[in-house]
Amino acid sequence: MPARLGALLRETDGVAGAYGTDVVWPLAHIVEQNLLFWSGEAFAGLYRPFDALLFFGDNGGGDQLALVVAPERDDVFVWDHETDSSMRVAGGIDEYLRRALAPDGDEGGDWWRYPLRGS
């Protein structure tokens, strides 16, 4: 478990957005979902392997938010379940929370679709 995410979970055990979006899942859900994604059985042939990712939340539309854990890095990525692609959406958990919890996100409801400023 990356340190900043672990500290957040010890304080909150999950964070919900304004419309009930699971910005950060409770620890039990993180474990459950990652075991499912990492097993390979449910998604074999559909998606690339998820071994390097730790999913910890979603955007309410089926896309998952993840940290790269192998090799570990602070950046937060959104994984698009329709295209099996990913995009960097924040430089760390704190920036991710700021963007995800801002009124209507940074650029509206689909804030994760907009590139980071300065990127």
C-alpha atoms as a PDB file:
ATOM      1  CA  MET A   1       0.000   0.000   0.000  1.00  0.00           C
ATOM      2  CA  PRO A   2       1.516   3.341  -0.999  1.00  0.00           C
ATOM      3  CA  ALA A   3       2.181   5.488   2.084  1.00  0.00           C
ATOM      4  CA  ARG A   4      -0.102   8.458   1.316  1.00  0.00           C
ATOM      5  CA  LEU A   5      -3.044   6.243   0.359  1.00  0.00           C
ATOM      6  CA  GLY A   6      -2.514   4.150   3.487  1.00  0.00           C
ATOM      7  CA  ALA A   7      -2.488   7.268   5.675  1.00  0.00           C
ATOM      8  CA  LEU A   8      -5.680   8.536   4.056  1.00  0.00           C
ATOM      9  CA  LEU A   9      -7.413   5.190   4.601  1.00  0.00           C
ATOM     10  CA  ARG A  10      -6.382   5.143   8.269  1.00  0.00           C
ATOM     11  CA  GLU A  11      -8.020   8.567   8.654  1.00  0.00           C
ATOM     12  CA  THR A  12     -11.158   8.029   6.554  1.00  0.00           C
ATOM     13  CA  ASP A  13     -11.576   4.461   5.240  1.00  0.00           C
ATOM     14  CA  GLY A  14     -12.832   5.943   1.984  1.00  0.00           C
ATOM     15  CA  VAL A  15     -13.939   9.250   0.521  1.00  0.00           C
ATOM     16  CA  ALA A  16     -17.231   9.908  -1.263  1.00  0.00           C
ATOM     17  CA  GLY A  17     -17.791  12.769  -3.690  1.00  0.00           C
ATOM     18  CA  ALA A  18     -20.760  15.124  -3.779  1.00  0.00           C
ATOM     19  CA  TYR A  19     -22.936  12.726  -5.786  1.00  0.00           C
ATOM     20  CA  GLY A  20     -21.864   9.570  -3.973  1.00  0.00           C
ATOM     21  CA  THR A  21     -18.976   8.837  -6.333  1.00  0.00           C
ATOM     22  CA  ASP A  22     -16.398   6.569  -4.700  1.00  0.00           C
ATOM     23  CA  VAL A  23     -13.455   8.966  -4.943  1.00  0.00           C
ATOM     24  CA  VAL A  24     -11.514   6.601  -2.638  1.00  0.00           C
ATOM     25  CA  TRP A  25     -12.995   3.201  -1.841  1.00  0.00           C
ATOM     26  CA  PRO A  26     -13.011   1.798   1.697  1.00  0.00           C
ATOM     27  CA  LEU A  27     -10.060  -0.528   2.331  1.00  0.00           C
ATOM     28  CA  ALA A  28     -12.163  -3.712   2.117  1.00  0.00           C
ATOM     29  CA  HIS A  29     -13.422  -2.683  -1.339  1.00  0.00           C
ATOM     30  CA  ILE A  30      -9.878  -1.846  -2.498  1.00  0.00           C
ATOM     31  CA  VAL A  31      -8.763  -5.344  -1.494  1.00  0.00           C
ATOM     32  CA  GLU A  32     -11.805  -7.013  -3.094  1.00  0.00           C
ATOM     33  CA  GLN A  33     -11.525  -5.142  -6.403  1.00  0.00           C
ATOM     34  CA  ASN A  34      -7.769  -5.563  -6.758  1.00  0.00           C
ATOM     35  CA  LEU A  35      -7.957  -9.294  -6.084  1.00  0.00           C
ATOM     36  CA  LEU A  36     -10.573  -9.482  -8.852  1.00  0.00           C
ATOM     37  CA  PHE A  37      -8.504  -7.413 -11.303  1.00  0.00           C
ATOM     38  CA  TRP A  38      -5.237  -9.154 -10.471  1.00  0.00           C
ATOM     39  CA  SER A  39      -6.662 -12.683 -10.745  1.00  0.00           C
ATOM     40  CA  GLY A  40      -6.682 -12.381 -14.517  1.00  0.00           C
ATOM     41  CA  GLU A  41      -9.495 -14.910 -14.795  1.00  0.00           C
ATOM     42  CA  ALA A  42     -12.372 -12.431 -15.066  1.00  0.00           C
ATOM     43  CA  PHE A  43     -10.601 -10.176 -17.547  1.00  0.00           C
ATOM     44  CA  ALA A  44      -8.315 -12.569 -19.449  1.00  0.00           C
ATOM     45  CA  GLY A  45      -8.331 -11.719 -23.131  1.00  0.00           C
ATOM     46  CA  LEU A  46     -10.301  -8.503 -22.589  1.00  0.00           C
ATOM     47  CA  TYR A  47      -7.697  -6.239 -21.022  1.00  0.00           C
ATOM     48  CA  ARG A  48      -3.975  -5.968 -20.467  1.00  0.00           C
ATOM     49  CA  PRO A  49      -2.649  -7.332 -17.137  1.00  0.00           C
ATOM     50  CA  PHE A  50      -3.298  -5.134 -14.090  1.00  0.00           C
ATOM     51  CA  ASP A  51      -0.385  -6.368 -11.924  1.00  0.00           C
ATOM     52  CA  ALA A  52       1.347  -2.966 -11.791  1.00  0.00           C
ATOM     53  CA  LEU A  53      -1.788  -1.041 -10.764  1.00  0.00           C
ATOM     54  CA  LEU A  54      -3.543  -0.576  -7.439  1.00  0.00           C
ATOM     55  CA  PHE A  55      -7.132   0.487  -8.047  1.00  0.00           C
ATOM     56  CA  PHE A  56      -8.549   2.650  -5.258  1.00  0.00           C
ATOM     57  CA  GLY A  57     -11.614   4.479  -6.604  1.00  0.00           C
ATOM     58  CA  ASP A  58     -13.811   5.146  -9.596  1.00  0.00           C
ATOM     59  CA  ASN A  59     -15.393   8.027 -11.458  1.00  0.00           C
ATOM     60  CA  GLY A  60     -18.952   6.734 -11.337  1.00  0.00           C
ATOM     61  CA  GLY A  61     -18.961   5.799 -15.016  1.00  0.00           C
ATOM     62  CA  GLY A  62     -17.059   2.513 -14.938  1.00  0.00           C
ATOM     63  CA  ASP A  63     -13.534   3.900 -15.179  1.00  0.00           C
ATOM     64  CA  GLN A  64     -11.166   3.111 -12.307  1.00  0.00           C
ATOM     65  CA  LEU A  65      -8.592   5.302 -10.573  1.00  0.00           C
ATOM     66  CA  ALA A  66      -5.234   3.710  -9.831  1.00  0.00           C
ATOM     67  CA  LEU A  67      -1.726   4.190  -8.560  1.00  0.00           C
ATOM     68  CA  VAL A  68       1.202   2.471 -10.248  1.00  0.00           C
ATOM     69  CA  VAL A  69       2.812   0.216  -7.651  1.00  0.00           C
ATOM     70  CA  ALA A  70       5.430  -1.551  -9.769  1.00  0.00           C
ATOM     71  CA  PRO A  71       7.553   0.498  -9.962  1.00  0.00           C
ATOM     72  CA  GLU A  72       5.891   2.648  -7.309  1.00  0.00           C
ATOM     73  CA  ARG A  73       5.084   6.220  -8.277  1.00  0.00           C
ATOM     74  CA  ASP A  74       2.875   8.931  -6.810  1.00  0.00           C
ATOM     75  CA  ASP A  75       0.897   9.743  -9.963  1.00  0.00           C
ATOM     76  CA  VAL A  76      -2.800   8.881 -10.166  1.00  0.00           C
ATOM     77  CA  PHE A  77      -4.142   7.413 -13.403  1.00  0.00           C
ATOM     78  CA  VAL A  78      -7.648   6.839 -14.697  1.00  0.00           C
ATOM     79  CA  TRP A  79      -8.122   3.524 -16.509  1.00  0.00           C
ATOM     80  CA  ASP A  80     -10.771   3.639 -19.232  1.00  0.00           C
ATOM     81  CA  HIS A  81     -12.701   0.358 -19.207  1.00  0.00           C
ATOM     82  CA  GLU A  82     -13.920   0.853 -22.794  1.00  0.00           C
ATOM     83  CA  THR A  83     -10.538   1.423 -24.443  1.00  0.00           C
ATOM     84  CA  ASP A  84      -8.190  -0.292 -21.948  1.00  0.00           C
ATOM     85  CA  SER A  85      -6.132   2.898 -21.932  1.00  0.00           C
ATOM     86  CA  SER A  86      -4.934   5.007 -19.044  1.00  0.00           C
ATOM     87  CA  MET A  87      -4.175   8.673 -18.542  1.00  0.00           C
ATOM     88  CA  ARG A  88      -2.362  10.530 -15.771  1.00  0.00           C
ATOM     89  CA  VAL A  89      -4.863  12.725 -13.915  1.00  0.00           C
ATOM     90  CA  ALA A  90      -2.924  13.875 -10.852  1.00  0.00           C
ATOM     91  CA  GLY A  91       0.606  14.059  -9.495  1.00  0.00           C
ATOM     92  CA  GLY A  92      -0.408  12.368  -6.247  1.00  0.00           C
ATOM     93  CA  ILE A  93      -3.288  11.559  -3.920  1.00  0.00           C
ATOM     94  CA  ASP A  94      -3.560  15.116  -2.568  1.00  0.00           C
ATOM     95  CA  GLU A  95      -3.829  16.654  -6.035  1.00  0.00           C
ATOM     96  CA  TYR A  96      -6.277  13.920  -7.050  1.00  0.00           C
ATOM     97  CA  LEU A  97      -8.523  14.684  -4.049  1.00  0.00           C
ATOM     98  CA  ARG A  98      -8.405  18.406  -4.799  1.00  0.00           C
ATOM     99  CA  ARG A  99      -9.466  17.828  -8.415  1.00  0.00           C
ATOM    100  CA  ALA A 100     -12.038  15.122  -7.700  1.00  0.00           C
ATOM    101  CA  LEU A 101     -13.689  16.941  -4.787  1.00  0.00           C
ATOM    102  CA  ALA A 102     -13.704  20.443  -6.294  1.00  0.00           C
ATOM    103  CA  PRO A 103     -17.220  21.713  -7.069  1.00  0.00           C
ATOM    104  CA  ASP A 104     -18.042  19.881 -10.321  1.00  0.00           C
ATOM    105  CA  GLY A 105     -14.360  18.880 -10.572  1.00  0.00           C
ATOM    106  CA  ASP A 106     -11.771  21.234 -12.088  1.00  0.00           C
ATOM    107  CA  GLU A 107     -13.391  21.490 -15.528  1.00  0.00           C
ATOM    108  CA  GLY A 108     -16.863  20.121 -14.905  1.00  0.00           C
ATOM    109  CA  GLY A 109     -18.265  16.683 -14.170  1.00  0.00           C
ATOM    110  CA  ASP A 110     -15.762  14.899 -16.407  1.00  0.00           C
ATOM    111  CA  TRP A 111     -12.694  16.513 -14.821  1.00  0.00           C
ATOM    112  CA  TRP A 112     -10.522  13.412 -15.372  1.00  0.00           C
ATOM    113  CA  ARG A 113     -10.790  13.833 -19.154  1.00  0.00           C
ATOM    114  CA  TYR A 114      -8.904  17.137 -19.046  1.00  0.00           C
ATOM    115  CA  PRO A 115      -5.107  17.195 -19.047  1.00  0.00           C
ATOM    116  CA  LEU A 116      -3.286  18.404 -16.000  1.00  0.00           C
ATOM    117  CA  ARG A 117      -2.342  22.033 -16.076  1.00  0.00           C
ATOM    118  CA  GLY A 118       1.335  22.356 -16.877  1.00  0.00           C
ATOM    119  CA  SER A 119       1.491  18.824 -18.339  1.00  0.00           C
END
